[in-house]
Structures are given as structure tokens and as C-alpha cells.
């Protein structure tokens, strides 16, 4: 079993806290759940100063958000986003991903040794 550690959102939230002028914030994802959760987390920081727009990607085409002051996206959407400031959010920590990779590598070794017999 691998224990998953969710990445800390504080760095992303700090980006918004530092914005002194009214700003347009965009969220981009292939996951409706990511958009829903991210909107909920960001809602308390928006106040009446910032606007937030969600973009749900349903295809592989790039999306241009040059008008957005800052864009937060998931790691799958990241290569498709064209904007001035794009911050990918990696849901699972690097440490957890390394553990998963290691576990799959061990499983693959076991499987390949069984197939040789």
C-alpha cells in the first residue's frame, strides 16, 4: 500500500494574496472535481476584488487565456494553457509519486520473473 500525500496549496494561495489590484483569475482542468474544489478553496480570497473563471477542457486543443492575470491548472492541462502566468498544481506530492513509481517497478520485476518460468 502507498500512502498518498496531497500537495500544499499555500503557495498558490499566496500568489493571490499578493495581488493588490483587481485581477482576473482562471482555473483550467480536465476534471470537474478539480475545478469545483479549487473554486471552493479560492472563494474566500476573491472578496469583491478579483474575478474567477473556470475552464473545463474536453479536448486536446490549446486554450489561450492571455487576458487572465493568473492561471491555475492541473498538470494535464498545463501544456495546453497559453497565458502570461500559469501555475500548475500537482495534486499528489512528488514523494508520493516516487513511491508509486517504485512500487510499479517492483511489481513489473515480479511479473517479468513469473513470465520467464
C-alpha atoms as a PDB file:
ATOM      1  CA  UNK A   1       0.000   0.000   0.000  1.00  0.00           C
ATOM      2  CA  UNK A   2       1.182   3.536  -0.792  1.00  0.00           C
ATOM      3  CA  UNK A   3       0.122   6.472   1.324  1.00  0.00           C
ATOM      4  CA  UNK A   4      -0.741   9.497  -0.834  1.00  0.00           C
ATOM      5  CA  UNK A   5       0.205  12.952   0.338  1.00  0.00           C
ATOM      6  CA  UNK A   6      -1.746  15.830  -1.158  1.00  0.00           C
ATOM      7  CA  UNK A   7       0.310  18.880  -2.122  1.00  0.00           C
ATOM      8  CA  UNK A   8       0.047  22.010  -0.042  1.00  0.00           C
ATOM      9  CA  UNK A   9      -1.995  24.827  -1.608  1.00  0.00           C
ATOM     10  CA  UNK A  10      -0.386  27.635   0.406  1.00  0.00           C
ATOM     11  CA  UNK A  11       1.999  28.716  -2.371  1.00  0.00           C
ATOM     12  CA  UNK A  12      -0.893  29.086  -4.819  1.00  0.00           C
ATOM     13  CA  UNK A  13      -2.992  30.968  -2.295  1.00  0.00           C
ATOM     14  CA  UNK A  14      -0.093  33.283  -1.515  1.00  0.00           C
ATOM     15  CA  UNK A  15       0.065  34.250  -5.203  1.00  0.00           C
ATOM     16  CA  UNK A  16      -3.492  35.579  -4.927  1.00  0.00           C
ATOM     17  CA  UNK A  17      -2.943  37.274  -1.560  1.00  0.00           C
ATOM     18  CA  UNK A  18      -0.101  39.292  -3.101  1.00  0.00           C
ATOM     19  CA  UNK A  19      -2.327  40.672  -5.856  1.00  0.00           C
ATOM     20  CA  UNK A  20      -3.161  44.233  -4.853  1.00  0.00           C
ATOM     21  CA  UNK A  21      -5.100  45.252  -7.972  1.00  0.00           C
ATOM     22  CA  UNK A  22      -8.417  43.732  -9.103  1.00  0.00           C
ATOM     23  CA  UNK A  23      -7.417  40.701 -11.142  1.00  0.00           C
ATOM     24  CA  UNK A  24      -8.840  38.030 -13.384  1.00  0.00           C
ATOM     25  CA  UNK A  25      -8.022  34.523 -12.108  1.00  0.00           C
ATOM     26  CA  UNK A  26      -8.612  31.458 -14.260  1.00  0.00           C
ATOM     27  CA  UNK A  27      -8.822  27.788 -13.344  1.00  0.00           C
ATOM     28  CA  UNK A  28      -8.222  25.192 -16.058  1.00  0.00           C
ATOM     29  CA  UNK A  29      -8.662  21.449 -15.754  1.00  0.00           C
ATOM     30  CA  UNK A  30      -9.774  18.233 -17.371  1.00  0.00           C
ATOM     31  CA  UNK A  31     -11.526  17.434 -14.084  1.00  0.00           C
ATOM     32  CA  UNK A  32     -14.806  18.963 -12.965  1.00  0.00           C
ATOM     33  CA  UNK A  33     -13.959  17.885  -9.425  1.00  0.00           C
ATOM     34  CA  UNK A  34     -10.643  19.801  -9.540  1.00  0.00           C
ATOM     35  CA  UNK A  35     -12.486  22.935 -10.711  1.00  0.00           C
ATOM     36  CA  UNK A  36     -15.123  22.555  -8.013  1.00  0.00           C
ATOM     37  CA  UNK A  37     -12.595  22.051  -5.220  1.00  0.00           C
ATOM     38  CA  UNK A  38     -10.226  24.773  -6.432  1.00  0.00           C
ATOM     39  CA  UNK A  39     -13.100  27.263  -6.701  1.00  0.00           C
ATOM     40  CA  UNK A  40     -14.097  26.468  -3.144  1.00  0.00           C
ATOM     41  CA  UNK A  41     -10.557  26.971  -1.861  1.00  0.00           C
ATOM     42  CA  UNK A  42     -10.113  30.270  -3.737  1.00  0.00           C
ATOM     43  CA  UNK A  43     -13.552  31.716  -2.944  1.00  0.00           C
ATOM     44  CA  UNK A  44     -12.528  33.203   0.395  1.00  0.00           C
ATOM     45  CA  UNK A  45      -9.642  35.094  -1.233  1.00  0.00           C
ATOM     46  CA  UNK A  46     -11.628  36.654  -4.055  1.00  0.00           C
ATOM     47  CA  UNK A  47     -13.727  39.058  -1.996  1.00  0.00           C
ATOM     48  CA  UNK A  48     -15.163  41.698  -4.325  1.00  0.00           C
ATOM     49  CA  UNK A  49     -11.755  42.462  -5.758  1.00  0.00           C
ATOM     50  CA  UNK A  50     -10.973  39.524  -8.064  1.00  0.00           C
ATOM     51  CA  UNK A  51     -12.964  37.609 -10.650  1.00  0.00           C
ATOM     52  CA  UNK A  52     -12.692  33.861 -11.148  1.00  0.00           C
ATOM     53  CA  UNK A  53     -13.487  31.883 -14.265  1.00  0.00           C
ATOM     54  CA  UNK A  54     -13.378  28.117 -14.686  1.00  0.00           C
ATOM     55  CA  UNK A  55     -12.371  26.417 -17.928  1.00  0.00           C
ATOM     56  CA  UNK A  56     -13.209  22.722 -18.301  1.00  0.00           C
ATOM     57  CA  UNK A  57     -11.106  21.151 -21.062  1.00  0.00           C
ATOM     58  CA  UNK A  58     -12.846  18.489 -23.120  1.00  0.00           C
ATOM     59  CA  UNK A  59     -10.344  18.117 -25.957  1.00  0.00           C
ATOM     60  CA  UNK A  60      -6.612  18.286 -26.688  1.00  0.00           C
ATOM     61  CA  UNK A  61      -6.584  21.777 -28.185  1.00  0.00           C
ATOM     62  CA  UNK A  62      -4.607  24.602 -26.559  1.00  0.00           C
ATOM     63  CA  UNK A  63      -6.506  27.299 -24.685  1.00  0.00           C
ATOM     64  CA  UNK A  64      -5.453  30.938 -24.819  1.00  0.00           C
ATOM     65  CA  UNK A  65      -6.021  32.898 -21.618  1.00  0.00           C
ATOM     66  CA  UNK A  66      -3.771  35.894 -22.251  1.00  0.00           C
ATOM     67  CA  UNK A  67      -6.324  38.201 -20.611  1.00  0.00           C
ATOM     68  CA  UNK A  68      -6.080  36.362 -17.298  1.00  0.00           C
ATOM     69  CA  UNK A  69      -3.718  37.823 -14.733  1.00  0.00           C
ATOM     70  CA  UNK A  70      -3.002  34.403 -13.274  1.00  0.00           C
ATOM     71  CA  UNK A  71      -3.991  30.870 -14.256  1.00  0.00           C
ATOM     72  CA  UNK A  72      -4.035  27.798 -12.040  1.00  0.00           C
ATOM     73  CA  UNK A  73      -4.337  24.436 -13.747  1.00  0.00           C
ATOM     74  CA  UNK A  74      -3.851  20.742 -13.212  1.00  0.00           C
ATOM     75  CA  UNK A  75      -0.762  19.023 -14.581  1.00  0.00           C
ATOM     76  CA  UNK A  76      -2.655  17.512 -17.537  1.00  0.00           C
ATOM     77  CA  UNK A  77      -3.994  20.898 -18.676  1.00  0.00           C
ATOM     78  CA  UNK A  78      -0.695  22.727 -18.133  1.00  0.00           C
ATOM     79  CA  UNK A  79       0.896  22.062 -21.566  1.00  0.00           C
ATOM     80  CA  UNK A  80      -2.266  23.325 -23.291  1.00  0.00           C
ATOM     81  CA  UNK A  81      -2.575  26.648 -21.463  1.00  0.00           C
ATOM     82  CA  UNK A  82      -1.256  29.812 -23.111  1.00  0.00           C
ATOM     83  CA  UNK A  83      -1.181  32.678 -20.611  1.00  0.00           C
ATOM     84  CA  UNK A  84       1.157  35.221 -19.012  1.00  0.00           C
ATOM     85  CA  UNK A  85       1.329  33.496 -15.620  1.00  0.00           C
ATOM     86  CA  UNK A  86       0.459  29.818 -15.377  1.00  0.00           C
ATOM     87  CA  UNK A  87       0.874  27.798 -12.205  1.00  0.00           C
ATOM     88  CA  UNK A  88       0.347  24.052 -12.460  1.00  0.00           C
ATOM     89  CA  UNK A  89      -0.973  22.398  -9.342  1.00  0.00           C
ATOM     90  CA  UNK A  90       0.245  18.876  -8.771  1.00  0.00           C
ATOM     91  CA  UNK A  91      -2.400  17.151  -6.675  1.00  0.00           C
ATOM     92  CA  UNK A  92      -0.157  14.365  -5.390  1.00  0.00           C
ATOM     93  CA  UNK A  93       3.182  15.186  -3.787  1.00  0.00           C
ATOM     94  CA  UNK A  94       6.454  14.331  -5.530  1.00  0.00           C
ATOM     95  CA  UNK A  95       7.286  11.924  -2.694  1.00  0.00           C
ATOM     96  CA  UNK A  96       4.027  10.003  -3.222  1.00  0.00           C
ATOM     97  CA  UNK A  97       4.596   9.846  -6.981  1.00  0.00           C
ATOM     98  CA  UNK A  98       8.100   8.468  -6.407  1.00  0.00           C
ATOM     99  CA  UNK A  99       6.688   5.784  -4.113  1.00  0.00           C
ATOM    100  CA  UNK A 100       4.074   4.807  -6.698  1.00  0.00           C
ATOM    101  CA  UNK A 101       6.720   4.617  -9.437  1.00  0.00           C
ATOM    102  CA  UNK A 102       8.925   2.457  -7.238  1.00  0.00           C
ATOM    103  CA  UNK A 103       6.026   0.152  -6.364  1.00  0.00           C
ATOM    104  CA  UNK A 104       5.081  -0.318 -10.037  1.00  0.00           C
ATOM    105  CA  UNK A 105       8.717  -1.028 -10.933  1.00  0.00           C
ATOM    106  CA  UNK A 106       8.855  -3.767  -8.286  1.00  0.00           C
ATOM    107  CA  UNK A 107       5.554  -5.224  -9.499  1.00  0.00           C
ATOM    108  CA  UNK A 108       6.868  -5.235 -13.067  1.00  0.00           C
ATOM    109  CA  UNK A 109      10.013  -7.101 -11.969  1.00  0.00           C
ATOM    110  CA  UNK A 110       7.907  -9.735 -10.203  1.00  0.00           C
ATOM    111  CA  UNK A 111       5.623 -10.109 -13.205  1.00  0.00           C
ATOM    112  CA  UNK A 112       8.507 -10.449 -15.661  1.00  0.00           C
ATOM    113  CA  UNK A 113      10.201 -13.089 -13.484  1.00  0.00           C
ATOM    114  CA  UNK A 114       6.958 -15.112 -13.397  1.00  0.00           C
ATOM    115  CA  UNK A 115       6.553 -14.935 -17.167  1.00  0.00           C
ATOM    116  CA  UNK A 116      10.063 -16.351 -17.725  1.00  0.00           C
ATOM    117  CA  UNK A 117       9.277 -19.547 -15.814  1.00  0.00           C
END
